[in-house]
Amino acid sequence: MSEIRQDEATKRWVIIATERAKRPSDMAAAPTADQQERAPDCPFCPGNEHMTPPEVLAYRDGGGRADSPGWQLRVVPNRFPALSPAGEVEVHDPQWFTNVTGVGAHEVLIETPVHNAGPAELGVDGAARVLEAAAERFEHLRQDPRLRYIAFFRNHGRPAGSSLTHPPTQIIATPIAPTNVRQEIEEARRYCDDRMSCVYCETIRQEVTAGERVVLETDHFLAFEPYASRWPFETWLIPKAHAAVLEGAGAGYLQPLAGALQATLKALHDALGDPAYNLVLHEAPLRDSCEDYYHWHIEILPRLATAAGFELGTGIWINSVLPEQAAAYLREHV
């Protein structure tokens, strides 16, 4: 019989449809193409630096001229930004037809010069470079008083919204705080008011004790399939130490985070044939006082199913793969 589960942290409802469940191995995607070092017309490949806006950050062995080859990682403004860095934040008609000027930042973080290397193939050092660059850009953007939130995400594969074979991680800074993050914070605040503790810290304790949904545990991080997973193989990576933002964990956490993240992504890659997924960082809005009860984390959402009318109309998700079975299958590939 199916179950209707509720996520304690967000209060989302999910139907675990066991009667039409698939075996975890049935969710594997087709094999991916061999690595391609460079594509001549790709704006993110070495030698094509003139095809992007001037870089705002780059890592090169031994230095080197900006916007030239020889880099390991580049960050450039998006050529077609969702938000513009120019202008002031103005709220128009807040009583009804509310709109805010589209001020913000939209940057692309080119993780590697290899044209079609996926995140699971970066290695721990490559992942650490990405996290270090993100931390640098976060620190820069945080100084802008117009901004309220910084979104850090990776769309991997066309079903997840990636339109390029050499896709980057993206950073979008907005003058508003996202509704879903606000809802997470509000639920976390209510839990803390009622029980005097962080719901995410308690989730870590409960999941470690239960064990059946844990994919990977290190000294500093836990990767697990949420009890009320919305997507087949939805995976969260969360720090054991409480912090509202990634930077709150300290620079010394970047290498351990890179190791845990790479192990998790590689398990998904090896178990499911490099599935399309969205990777999203959830952390507190800028200058927000929710340090006591909000807990940053990374959500990895494989696109192995489609959100259809029921999900979009009700906000209740249907997941055909038991999180416990998904975790057991991933553990075989860690």
C-alpha atoms as a PDB file:
ATOM      1  CA  MET A   1       0.000   0.000   0.000  1.00  0.00           C
ATOM      2  CA  SER A   2       1.198   3.524  -0.756  1.00  0.00           C
ATOM      3  CA  GLU A   3       2.291   5.886   2.026  1.00  0.00           C
ATOM      4  CA  ILE A   4       1.768   9.617   2.429  1.00  0.00           C
ATOM      5  CA  ARG A   5       4.851  10.986   4.172  1.00  0.00           C
ATOM      6  CA  GLN A   6       5.538  14.448   5.542  1.00  0.00           C
ATOM      7  CA  ASP A   7       8.926  16.104   5.669  1.00  0.00           C
ATOM      8  CA  GLU A   8       9.468  17.407   9.195  1.00  0.00           C
ATOM      9  CA  ALA A   9      11.650  20.337   8.126  1.00  0.00           C
ATOM     10  CA  THR A  10       9.449  21.762   5.365  1.00  0.00           C
ATOM     11  CA  LYS A  11       6.010  20.180   6.105  1.00  0.00           C
ATOM     12  CA  ARG A  12       5.813  19.067   2.453  1.00  0.00           C
ATOM     13  CA  TRP A  13       3.636  16.041   1.735  1.00  0.00           C
ATOM     14  CA  VAL A  14       4.841  13.258  -0.572  1.00  0.00           C
ATOM     15  CA  ILE A  15       3.067  10.121  -1.765  1.00  0.00           C
ATOM     16  CA  ILE A  16       5.427   7.156  -1.887  1.00  0.00           C
ATOM     17  CA  ALA A  17       3.605   5.108  -4.512  1.00  0.00           C
ATOM     18  CA  THR A  18       4.945   1.653  -3.641  1.00  0.00           C
ATOM     19  CA  GLU A  19       2.392  -0.159  -5.791  1.00  0.00           C
ATOM     20  CA  ARG A  20       3.891   1.300  -8.937  1.00  0.00           C
ATOM     21  CA  ALA A  21       7.437   1.494  -7.625  1.00  0.00           C
ATOM     22  CA  LYS A  22      10.334   0.743  -9.895  1.00  0.00           C
ATOM     23  CA  ARG A  23      13.444  -1.125  -8.892  1.00  0.00           C
ATOM     24  CA  PRO A  24      16.278   1.376  -8.346  1.00  0.00           C
ATOM     25  CA  SER A  25      18.330  -0.228 -11.109  1.00  0.00           C
ATOM     26  CA  ASP A  26      15.499   0.425 -13.591  1.00  0.00           C
ATOM     27  CA  MET A  27      16.068   4.191 -13.268  1.00  0.00           C
ATOM     28  CA  ALA A  28      19.538   4.156 -14.878  1.00  0.00           C
ATOM     29  CA  ALA A  29      20.053   6.484 -17.836  1.00  0.00           C
ATOM     30  CA  ALA A  30      21.841   5.685 -21.083  1.00  0.00           C
ATOM     31  CA  PRO A  31      25.675   5.815 -21.006  1.00  0.00           C
ATOM     32  CA  THR A  32      27.205   9.232 -21.590  1.00  0.00           C
ATOM     33  CA  ALA A  33      29.560  10.165 -24.407  1.00  0.00           C
ATOM     34  CA  ASP A  34      33.327  10.013 -24.066  1.00  0.00           C
ATOM     35  CA  GLN A  35      35.102  13.116 -22.826  1.00  0.00           C
ATOM     36  CA  GLN A  36      35.790  15.816 -25.390  1.00  0.00           C
ATOM     37  CA  GLU A  37      38.642  18.139 -24.502  1.00  0.00           C
ATOM     38  CA  ARG A  38      37.506  21.104 -26.589  1.00  0.00           C
ATOM     39  CA  ALA A  39      34.819  22.205 -29.019  1.00  0.00           C
ATOM     40  CA  PRO A  40      35.832  24.942 -31.486  1.00  0.00           C
ATOM     41  CA  ASP A  41      32.565  26.890 -31.224  1.00  0.00           C
ATOM     42  CA  CYS A  42      32.013  26.547 -27.452  1.00  0.00           C
ATOM     43  CA  PRO A  43      32.254  29.876 -25.578  1.00  0.00           C
ATOM     44  CA  PHE A  44      33.402  28.083 -22.414  1.00  0.00           C
ATOM     45  CA  CYS A  45      36.336  26.215 -23.978  1.00  0.00           C
ATOM     46  CA  PRO A  46      39.974  27.432 -23.804  1.00  0.00           C
ATOM     47  CA  GLY A  47      40.899  29.672 -26.714  1.00  0.00           C
ATOM     48  CA  ASN A  48      37.374  31.091 -26.937  1.00  0.00           C
ATOM     49  CA  GLU A  49      37.645  33.507 -24.028  1.00  0.00           C
ATOM     50  CA  HIS A  50      36.713  36.377 -26.405  1.00  0.00           C
ATOM     51  CA  MET A  51      33.263  34.802 -26.732  1.00  0.00           C
ATOM     52  CA  THR A  52      32.346  35.573 -23.094  1.00  0.00           C
ATOM     53  CA  PRO A  53      32.150  38.840 -21.158  1.00  0.00           C
ATOM     54  CA  PRO A  54      35.393  39.719 -19.319  1.00  0.00           C
ATOM     55  CA  GLU A  55      36.053  37.340 -16.450  1.00  0.00           C
ATOM     56  CA  VAL A  56      35.493  38.487 -12.869  1.00  0.00           C
ATOM     57  CA  LEU A  57      37.553  35.638 -11.393  1.00  0.00           C
ATOM     58  CA  ALA A  58      39.883  32.965 -12.739  1.00  0.00           C
ATOM     59  CA  TYR A  59      42.373  30.423 -11.403  1.00  0.00           C
ATOM     60  CA  ARG A  60      45.499  29.873 -13.514  1.00  0.00           C
ATOM     61  CA  ASP A  61      48.625  27.913 -12.720  1.00  0.00           C
ATOM     62  CA  GLY A  62      51.411  30.464 -12.380  1.00  0.00           C
ATOM     63  CA  GLY A  63      49.141  33.389 -13.095  1.00  0.00           C
ATOM     64  CA  GLY A  64      48.627  34.647 -16.629  1.00  0.00           C
ATOM     65  CA  ARG A  65      46.779  37.323 -18.534  1.00  0.00           C
ATOM     66  CA  ALA A  66      43.050  37.706 -17.886  1.00  0.00           C
ATOM     67  CA  ASP A  67      40.704  36.311 -20.525  1.00  0.00           C
ATOM     68  CA  SER A  68      43.395  34.116 -22.013  1.00  0.00           C
ATOM     69  CA  PRO A  69      43.888  30.311 -22.095  1.00  0.00           C
ATOM     70  CA  GLY A  70      45.704  28.408 -19.356  1.00  0.00           C
ATOM     71  CA  TRP A  71      42.938  28.588 -16.749  1.00  0.00           C
ATOM     72  CA  GLN A  72      41.571  25.871 -14.515  1.00  0.00           C
ATOM     73  CA  LEU A  73      38.359  27.736 -13.690  1.00  0.00           C
ATOM     74  CA  ARG A  74      36.707  30.974 -14.813  1.00  0.00           C
ATOM     75  CA  VAL A  75      33.778  33.075 -13.591  1.00  0.00           C
ATOM     76  CA  VAL A  76      32.172  35.434 -16.094  1.00  0.00           C
ATOM     77  CA  PRO A  77      28.947  37.426 -16.220  1.00  0.00           C
ATOM     78  CA  ASN A  78      26.148  35.683 -18.090  1.00  0.00           C
ATOM     79  CA  ARG A  79      25.788  37.024 -21.643  1.00  0.00           C
ATOM     80  CA  PHE A  80      22.007  36.796 -21.293  1.00  0.00           C
ATOM     81  CA  PRO A  81      21.483  37.656 -17.609  1.00  0.00           C
ATOM     82  CA  ALA A  82      18.223  37.178 -15.782  1.00  0.00           C
ATOM     83  CA  LEU A  83      19.058  40.283 -13.713  1.00  0.00           C
ATOM     84  CA  SER A  84      21.174  43.364 -14.389  1.00  0.00           C
ATOM     85  CA  PRO A  85      23.875  44.762 -12.057  1.00  0.00           C
ATOM     86  CA  ALA A  86      22.954  48.367 -12.973  1.00  0.00           C
ATOM     87  CA  GLY A  87      20.250  50.401 -11.286  1.00  0.00           C
ATOM     88  CA  GLU A  88      18.557  50.774  -7.948  1.00  0.00           C
ATOM     89  CA  VAL A  89      16.013  48.490  -6.319  1.00  0.00           C
ATOM     90  CA  GLU A  90      12.584  50.098  -6.563  1.00  0.00           C
ATOM     91  CA  VAL A  91       9.280  48.565  -5.497  1.00  0.00           C
ATOM     92  CA  HIS A  92       6.306  49.600  -7.608  1.00  0.00           C
ATOM     93  CA  ASP A  93       2.646  49.404  -6.540  1.00  0.00           C
ATOM     94  CA  PRO A  94       3.178  47.212  -3.446  1.00  0.00           C
ATOM     95  CA  GLN A  95      -0.569  47.199  -2.736  1.00  0.00           C
ATOM     96  CA  TRP A  96      -1.519  44.973  -5.708  1.00  0.00           C
ATOM     97  CA  PHE A  97       0.429  44.667  -9.001  1.00  0.00           C
ATOM     98  CA  THR A  98       3.737  44.516  -7.195  1.00  0.00           C
ATOM     99  CA  ASN A  99       6.983  44.527  -9.143  1.00  0.00           C
ATOM    100  CA  VAL A 100      10.600  45.216  -8.305  1.00  0.00           C
ATOM    101  CA  THR A 101      13.262  46.456 -10.680  1.00  0.00           C
ATOM    102  CA  GLY A 102      15.307  43.536 -12.030  1.00  0.00           C
ATOM    103  CA  VAL A 103      18.539  44.446 -10.288  1.00  0.00           C
ATOM    104  CA  GLY A 104      21.005  41.727  -9.336  1.00  0.00           C
ATOM    105  CA  ALA A 105      23.849  39.638 -10.642  1.00  0.00           C
ATOM    106  CA  HIS A 106      23.981  36.585 -12.905  1.00  0.00           C
ATOM    107  CA  GLU A 107      27.329  34.832 -13.251  1.00  0.00           C
ATOM    108  CA  VAL A 108      28.476  31.550 -14.735  1.00  0.00           C
ATOM    109  CA  LEU A 109      31.222  29.542 -13.069  1.00  0.00           C
ATOM    110  CA  ILE A 110      33.027  27.457 -15.704  1.00  0.00           C
ATOM    111  CA  GLU A 111      34.240  24.545 -13.597  1.00  0.00           C
ATOM    112  CA  THR A 112      36.752  23.013 -15.985  1.00  0.00           C
ATOM    113  CA  PRO A 113      38.335  23.631 -19.400  1.00  0.00           C
ATOM    114  CA  VAL A 114      37.307  20.101 -20.494  1.00  0.00           C
ATOM    115  CA  HIS A 115      34.317  20.559 -22.793  1.00  0.00           C
ATOM    116  CA  ASN A 116      31.956  17.864 -21.546  1.00  0.00           C
ATOM    117  CA  ALA A 117      33.356  16.813 -18.166  1.00  0.00           C
ATOM    118  CA  GLY A 118      30.524  16.418 -15.691  1.00  0.00           C
ATOM    119  CA  PRO A 119      30.583  17.371 -12.006  1.00  0.00           C
ATOM    120  CA  ALA A 120      31.198  13.760 -10.953  1.00  0.00           C
ATOM    121  CA  GLU A 121      34.414  13.795 -12.998  1.00  0.00           C
ATOM    122  CA  LEU A 122      35.954  16.913 -11.451  1.00  0.00           C
ATOM    123  CA  GLY A 123      37.691  15.060  -8.636  1.00  0.00           C
ATOM    124  CA  VAL A 124      37.998  16.370  -5.106  1.00  0.00           C
ATOM    125  CA  ASP A 125      40.529  19.090  -5.995  1.00  0.00           C
ATOM    126  CA  GLY A 126      38.372  20.307  -8.878  1.00  0.00           C
ATOM    127  CA  ALA A 127      35.276  20.411  -6.691  1.00  0.00           C
ATOM    128  CA  ALA A 128      37.228  22.277  -4.013  1.00  0.00           C
ATOM    129  CA  ARG A 129      38.218  24.896  -6.617  1.00  0.00           C
ATOM    130  CA  VAL A 130      34.563  25.373  -7.529  1.00  0.00           C
ATOM    131  CA  LEU A 131      33.598  25.817  -3.884  1.00  0.00           C
ATOM    132  CA  GLU A 132      36.497  28.199  -3.256  1.00  0.00           C
ATOM    133  CA  ALA A 133      35.524  30.316  -6.269  1.00  0.00           C
ATOM    134  CA  ALA A 134      31.896  30.346  -5.150  1.00  0.00           C
ATOM    135  CA  ALA A 135      32.946  31.498  -1.680  1.00  0.00           C
ATOM    136  CA  GLU A 136      34.975  34.338  -3.246  1.00  0.00           C
ATOM    137  CA  ARG A 137      32.067  35.459  -5.398  1.00  0.00           C
ATOM    138  CA  PHE A 138      29.645  35.182  -2.467  1.00  0.00           C
ATOM    139  CA  GLU A 139      31.903  37.403  -0.390  1.00  0.00           C
ATOM    140  CA  HIS A 140      32.046  39.975  -3.188  1.00  0.00           C
ATOM    141  CA  LEU A 141      28.293  39.976  -3.828  1.00  0.00           C
ATOM    142  CA  ARG A 142      27.476  40.124  -0.134  1.00  0.00           C
ATOM    143  CA  GLN A 143      28.966  43.633  -0.018  1.00  0.00           C
ATOM    144  CA  ASP A 144      26.223  44.940  -2.309  1.00  0.00           C
ATOM    145  CA  PRO A 145      23.442  46.300  -0.040  1.00  0.00           C
ATOM    146  CA  ARG A 146      20.874  45.937  -2.840  1.00  0.00           C
ATOM    147  CA  LEU A 147      21.064  42.141  -2.746  1.00  0.00           C
ATOM    148  CA  ARG A 148      19.052  39.865  -0.459  1.00  0.00           C
ATOM    149  CA  TYR A 149      19.862  36.346  -1.641  1.00  0.00           C
ATOM    150  CA  ILE A 150      22.538  34.441  -3.555  1.00  0.00           C
ATOM    151  CA  ALA A 151      21.455  31.310  -5.420  1.00  0.00           C
ATOM    152  CA  PHE A 152      24.124  28.748  -6.335  1.00  0.00           C
ATOM    153  CA  PHE A 153      22.991  25.909  -8.602  1.00  0.00           C
ATOM    154  CA  ARG A 154      24.049  23.432 -11.275  1.00  0.00           C
ATOM    155  CA  ASN A 155      21.760  22.117 -14.019  1.00  0.00           C
ATOM    156  CA  HIS A 156      23.269  18.866 -15.238  1.00  0.00           C
ATOM    157  CA  GLY A 157      21.809  17.378 -18.421  1.00  0.00           C
ATOM    158  CA  ARG A 158      19.133  18.657 -20.786  1.00  0.00           C
ATOM    159  CA  PRO A 159      16.147  17.321 -18.770  1.00  0.00           C
ATOM    160  CA  ALA A 160      17.443  19.452 -15.877  1.00  0.00           C
ATOM    161  CA  GLY A 161      17.506  22.627 -17.966  1.00  0.00           C
ATOM    162  CA  SER A 162      21.062  22.653 -19.292  1.00  0.00           C
ATOM    163  CA  SER A 163      21.248  23.939 -22.857  1.00  0.00           C
ATOM    164  CA  LEU A 164      25.025  23.566 -23.369  1.00  0.00           C
ATOM    165  CA  THR A 165      27.335  20.569 -23.552  1.00  0.00           C
ATOM    166  CA  HIS A 166      29.883  22.562 -21.510  1.00  0.00           C
ATOM    167  CA  PRO A 167      27.472  23.684 -18.775  1.00  0.00           C
ATOM    168  CA  PRO A 168      28.604  25.852 -15.868  1.00  0.00           C
ATOM    169  CA  THR A 169      27.495  26.257 -12.316  1.00  0.00           C
ATOM    170  CA  GLN A 170      25.478  29.443 -12.009  1.00  0.00           C
ATOM    171  CA  ILE A 171      25.249  32.170  -9.400  1.00  0.00           C
ATOM    172  CA  ILE A 172      22.253  34.508  -9.371  1.00  0.00           C
ATOM    173  CA  ALA A 173      21.992  37.213  -6.729  1.00  0.00           C
ATOM    174  CA  THR A 174      18.536  38.745  -6.271  1.00  0.00           C
ATOM    175  CA  PRO A 175      17.084  41.771  -4.450  1.00  0.00           C
ATOM    176  CA  ILE A 176      14.378  39.525  -2.971  1.00  0.00           C
ATOM    177  CA  ALA A 177      14.454  36.418  -0.778  1.00  0.00           C
ATOM    178  CA  PRO A 178      12.947  33.349  -2.513  1.00  0.00           C
ATOM    179  CA  THR A 179       9.558  32.195  -1.258  1.00  0.00           C
ATOM    180  CA  ASN A 180      10.585  28.555  -0.835  1.00  0.00           C
ATOM    181  CA  VAL A 181      13.603  29.504   1.294  1.00  0.00           C
ATOM    182  CA  ARG A 182      11.417  31.844   3.338  1.00  0.00           C
ATOM    183  CA  GLN A 183       8.978  28.981   3.925  1.00  0.00           C
ATOM    184  CA  GLU A 184      11.811  26.692   5.007  1.00  0.00           C
ATOM    185  CA  ILE A 185      13.039  29.346   7.430  1.00  0.00           C
ATOM    186  CA  GLU A 186       9.551  29.904   8.838  1.00  0.00           C
ATOM    187  CA  GLU A 187       9.033  26.184   9.459  1.00  0.00           C
ATOM    188  CA  ALA A 188      12.480  25.949  11.053  1.00  0.00           C
ATOM    189  CA  ARG A 189      11.635  28.898  13.313  1.00  0.00           C
ATOM    190  CA  ARG A 190       8.364  27.278  14.410  1.00  0.00           C
ATOM    191  CA  TYR A 191      10.133  24.028  15.195  1.00  0.00           C
ATOM    192  CA  CYS A 192      12.776  25.881  17.213  1.00  0.00           C
ATOM    193  CA  ASP A 193      10.099  27.828  19.114  1.00  0.00           C
ATOM    194  CA  ASP A 194       8.297  24.585  19.985  1.00  0.00           C
ATOM    195  CA  ARG A 195      11.265  22.323  20.726  1.00  0.00           C
ATOM    196  CA  MET A 196      14.190  24.676  21.345  1.00  0.00           C
ATOM    197  CA  SER A 197      16.388  23.031  18.724  1.00  0.00           C
ATOM    198  CA  CYS A 198      17.188  23.027  15.014  1.00  0.00           C
ATOM    199  CA  VAL A 199      14.964  20.741  12.933  1.00  0.00           C
ATOM    200  CA  TYR A 200      17.855  20.004  10.570  1.00  0.00           C
ATOM    201  CA  CYS A 201      20.194  19.034  13.411  1.00  0.00           C
ATOM    202  CA  GLU A 202      17.456  16.732  14.687  1.00  0.00           C
ATOM    203  CA  THR A 203      17.004  15.316  11.182  1.00  0.00           C
ATOM    204  CA  ILE A 204      20.692  14.432  11.123  1.00  0.00           C
ATOM    205  CA  ARG A 205      20.410  12.650  14.473  1.00  0.00           C
ATOM    206  CA  GLN A 206      17.301  10.752  13.421  1.00  0.00           C
ATOM    207  CA  GLU A 207      18.695   9.705  10.054  1.00  0.00           C
ATOM    208  CA  VAL A 208      22.008   8.550  11.508  1.00  0.00           C
ATOM    209  CA  THR A 209      20.133   6.522  14.127  1.00  0.00           C
ATOM    210  CA  ALA A 210      17.770   4.995  11.574  1.00  0.00           C
ATOM    211  CA  GLY A 211      20.595   4.394   9.098  1.00  0.00           C
ATOM    212  CA  GLU A 212      18.380   3.039   6.321  1.00  0.00           C
ATOM    213  CA  ARG A 213      18.323   6.250   4.263  1.00  0.00           C
ATOM    214  CA  VAL A 214      21.985   7.205   4.758  1.00  0.00           C
ATOM    215  CA  VAL A 215      24.066   7.149   1.579  1.00  0.00           C
ATOM    216  CA  LEU A 216      27.349   8.465   2.984  1.00  0.00           C
ATOM    217  CA  GLU A 217      28.567   9.676   6.366  1.00  0.00           C
ATOM    218  CA  THR A 218      31.861  11.448   7.013  1.00  0.00           C
ATOM    219  CA  ASP A 219      33.230  13.245  10.061  1.00  0.00           C
ATOM    220  CA  HIS A 220      31.639  16.489   8.902  1.00  0.00           C
ATOM    221  CA  PHE A 221      28.808  15.670   6.480  1.00  0.00           C
ATOM    222  CA  LEU A 222      25.836  13.397   5.941  1.00  0.00           C
ATOM    223  CA  ALA A 223      24.373  12.441   2.554  1.00  0.00           C
ATOM    224  CA  PHE A 224      20.929  10.843   2.744  1.00  0.00           C
ATOM    225  CA  GLU A 225      17.660  10.266   0.922  1.00  0.00           C
ATOM    226  CA  PRO A 226      14.997  12.362   2.690  1.00  0.00           C
ATOM    227  CA  TYR A 227      12.215  10.405   4.365  1.00  0.00           C
ATOM    228  CA  ALA A 228       9.686  12.269   2.189  1.00  0.00           C
ATOM    229  CA  SER A 229      11.730  12.444  -1.025  1.00  0.00           C
ATOM    230  CA  ARG A 230       9.934  14.284  -3.827  1.00  0.00           C
ATOM    231  CA  TRP A 231      12.035  12.771  -6.622  1.00  0.00           C
ATOM    232  CA  PRO A 232      13.460   9.272  -7.095  1.00  0.00           C
ATOM    233  CA  PHE A 233      16.977   9.383  -5.636  1.00  0.00           C
ATOM    234  CA  GLU A 234      16.567  12.902  -4.214  1.00  0.00           C
ATOM    235  CA  THR A 235      19.707  13.311  -2.104  1.00  0.00           C
ATOM    236  CA  TRP A 236      20.597  15.895   0.520  1.00  0.00           C
ATOM    237  CA  LEU A 237      24.115  16.715   1.670  1.00  0.00           C
ATOM    238  CA  ILE A 238      24.133  18.502   5.021  1.00  0.00           C
ATOM    239  CA  PRO A 239      26.861  19.569   7.447  1.00  0.00           C
ATOM    240  CA  LYS A 240      26.797  18.025  10.897  1.00  0.00           C
ATOM    241  CA  ALA A 241      27.901  21.323  12.430  1.00  0.00           C
ATOM    242  CA  HIS A 242      25.099  23.863  12.628  1.00  0.00           C
ATOM    243  CA  ALA A 243      25.493  26.922  10.390  1.00  0.00           C
ATOM    244  CA  ALA A 244      22.954  29.049   8.511  1.00  0.00           C
ATOM    245  CA  VAL A 245      25.254  29.721   5.542  1.00  0.00           C
ATOM    246  CA  LEU A 246      28.044  27.725   3.943  1.00  0.00           C
ATOM    247  CA  GLU A 247      30.646  30.336   4.887  1.00  0.00           C
ATOM    248  CA  GLY A 248      29.608  29.894   8.519  1.00  0.00           C
ATOM    249  CA  ALA A 249      31.273  26.493   8.490  1.00  0.00           C
ATOM    250  CA  GLY A 250      34.674  28.129   7.834  1.00  0.00           C
ATOM    251  CA  ALA A 251      37.204  27.809   5.014  1.00  0.00           C
ATOM    252  CA  GLY A 252      38.515  24.553   6.490  1.00  0.00           C
ATOM    253  CA  TYR A 253      35.244  22.866   5.494  1.00  0.00           C
ATOM    254  CA  LEU A 254      35.689  23.341   1.746  1.00  0.00           C
ATOM    255  CA  GLN A 255      37.972  20.344   1.216  1.00  0.00           C
ATOM    256  CA  PRO A 256      35.847  17.946   3.342  1.00  0.00           C
ATOM    257  CA  LEU A 257      32.718  19.257   1.606  1.00  0.00           C
ATOM    258  CA  ALA A 258      34.343  18.713  -1.791  1.00  0.00           C
ATOM    259  CA  GLY A 259      35.178  15.139  -0.818  1.00  0.00           C
ATOM    260  CA  ALA A 260      31.672  14.348   0.402  1.00  0.00           C
ATOM    261  CA  LEU A 261      30.067  16.059  -2.589  1.00  0.00           C
ATOM    262  CA  GLN A 262      32.243  14.217  -5.110  1.00  0.00           C
ATOM    263  CA  ALA A 263      31.599  10.852  -3.456  1.00  0.00           C
ATOM    264  CA  THR A 264      27.853  11.510  -3.553  1.00  0.00           C
ATOM    265  CA  LEU A 265      27.817  12.687  -7.179  1.00  0.00           C
ATOM    266  CA  LYS A 266      29.997   9.770  -8.255  1.00  0.00           C
ATOM    267  CA  ALA A 267      27.616   7.313  -6.558  1.00  0.00           C
ATOM    268  CA  LEU A 268      24.688   8.827  -8.472  1.00  0.00           C
ATOM    269  CA  HIS A 269      26.748   8.776 -11.678  1.00  0.00           C
ATOM    270  CA  ASP A 270      27.844   5.168 -11.318  1.00  0.00           C
ATOM    271  CA  ALA A 271      24.527   3.822 -10.034  1.00  0.00           C
ATOM    272  CA  LEU A 272      22.240   5.615 -12.482  1.00  0.00           C
ATOM    273  CA  GLY A 273      24.355   6.129 -15.610  1.00  0.00           C
ATOM    274  CA  ASP A 274      25.020   9.857 -15.165  1.00  0.00           C
ATOM    275  CA  PRO A 275      21.429  11.054 -14.709  1.00  0.00           C
ATOM    276  CA  ALA A 276      20.290  14.605 -15.309  1.00  0.00           C
ATOM    277  CA  TYR A 277      19.851  16.504 -12.054  1.00  0.00           C
ATOM    278  CA  ASN A 278      19.607  19.913 -10.443  1.00  0.00           C
ATOM    279  CA  LEU A 279      22.015  20.680  -7.620  1.00  0.00           C
ATOM    280  CA  VAL A 280      20.939  23.604  -5.431  1.00  0.00           C
ATOM    281  CA  LEU A 281      22.475  25.219  -2.366  1.00  0.00           C
ATOM    282  CA  HIS A 282      19.948  26.267   0.287  1.00  0.00           C
ATOM    283  CA  GLU A 283      21.210  28.828   2.780  1.00  0.00           C
ATOM    284  CA  ALA A 284      19.924  31.814   4.714  1.00  0.00           C
ATOM    285  CA  PRO A 285      19.260  35.127   2.927  1.00  0.00           C
ATOM    286  CA  LEU A 286      21.856  37.860   3.259  1.00  0.00           C
ATOM    287  CA  ARG A 287      21.811  39.804   6.518  1.00  0.00           C
ATOM    288  CA  ASP A 288      19.055  37.589   7.908  1.00  0.00           C
ATOM    289  CA  SER A 289      18.970  36.764  11.614  1.00  0.00           C
ATOM    290  CA  CYS A 290      18.064  33.068  11.510  1.00  0.00           C
ATOM    291  CA  GLU A 291      21.405  31.623  12.607  1.00  0.00           C
ATOM    292  CA  ASP A 292      19.926  29.744  15.556  1.00  0.00           C
ATOM    293  CA  TYR A 293      17.419  27.657  13.639  1.00  0.00           C
ATOM    294  CA  TYR A 294      18.232  27.531   9.904  1.00  0.00           C
ATOM    295  CA  HIS A 295      20.805  25.047   8.579  1.00  0.00           C
ATOM    296  CA  TRP A 296      22.386  25.248   5.122  1.00  0.00           C
ATOM    297  CA  HIS A 297      22.365  22.176   2.921  1.00  0.00           C
ATOM    298  CA  ILE A 298      22.711  21.018  -0.679  1.00  0.00           C
ATOM    299  CA  GLU A 299      19.821  19.314  -2.470  1.00  0.00           C
ATOM    300  CA  ILE A 300      20.492  17.075  -5.479  1.00  0.00           C
ATOM    301  CA  LEU A 301      17.310  16.423  -7.457  1.00  0.00           C
ATOM    302  CA  PRO A 302      17.691  13.799 -10.222  1.00  0.00           C
ATOM    303  CA  ARG A 303      15.285  14.287 -13.125  1.00  0.00           C
ATOM    304  CA  LEU A 304      14.177  10.665 -13.293  1.00  0.00           C
ATOM    305  CA  ALA A 305      10.494  11.563 -13.202  1.00  0.00           C
ATOM    306  CA  THR A 306       8.296  14.415 -14.407  1.00  0.00           C
ATOM    307  CA  ALA A 307       6.278  16.781 -12.253  1.00  0.00           C
ATOM    308  CA  ALA A 308       2.811  16.643 -13.830  1.00  0.00           C
ATOM    309  CA  GLY A 309      -0.668  17.987 -13.175  1.00  0.00           C
ATOM    310  CA  PHE A 310      -1.138  16.494  -9.727  1.00  0.00           C
ATOM    311  CA  GLU A 311       2.207  17.775  -8.408  1.00  0.00           C
ATOM    312  CA  LEU A 312       1.829  21.201  -9.983  1.00  0.00           C
ATOM    313  CA  GLY A 313      -1.800  21.549  -8.947  1.00  0.00           C
ATOM    314  CA  THR A 314      -1.549  20.346  -5.353  1.00  0.00           C
ATOM    315  CA  GLY A 315       2.074  20.751  -4.314  1.00  0.00           C
ATOM    316  CA  ILE A 316       1.982  17.084  -3.247  1.00  0.00           C
ATOM    317  CA  TRP A 317       4.639  14.986  -4.939  1.00  0.00           C
ATOM    318  CA  ILE A 318       4.399  11.371  -6.075  1.00  0.00           C
ATOM    319  CA  ASN A 319       7.607   9.352  -5.832  1.00  0.00           C
ATOM    320  CA  SER A 320       7.692   5.810  -7.216  1.00  0.00           C
ATOM    321  CA  VAL A 321      10.998   4.807  -5.582  1.00  0.00           C
ATOM    322  CA  LEU A 322      11.241   4.119  -1.859  1.00  0.00           C
ATOM    323  CA  PRO A 323      13.943   6.353  -0.352  1.00  0.00           C
ATOM    324  CA  GLU A 324      15.172   3.389   1.710  1.00  0.00           C
ATOM    325  CA  GLN A 325      15.707   1.310  -1.438  1.00  0.00           C
ATOM    326  CA  ALA A 326      17.332   4.229  -3.243  1.00  0.00           C
ATOM    327  CA  ALA A 327      19.797   4.726  -0.369  1.00  0.00           C
ATOM    328  CA  ALA A 328      20.680   1.027  -0.255  1.00  0.00           C
ATOM    329  CA  TYR A 329      21.337   1.023  -4.000  1.00  0.00           C
ATOM    330  CA  LEU A 330      23.521   4.154  -3.825  1.00  0.00           C
ATOM    331  CA  ARG A 331      25.526   2.760  -0.896  1.00  0.00           C
ATOM    332  CA  GLU A 332      26.624  -0.083  -3.198  1.00  0.00           C
ATOM    333  CA  HIS A 333      28.317   2.530  -5.401  1.00  0.00           C
ATOM    334  CA  VAL A 334      29.956   4.755  -2.775  1.00  0.00           C
END
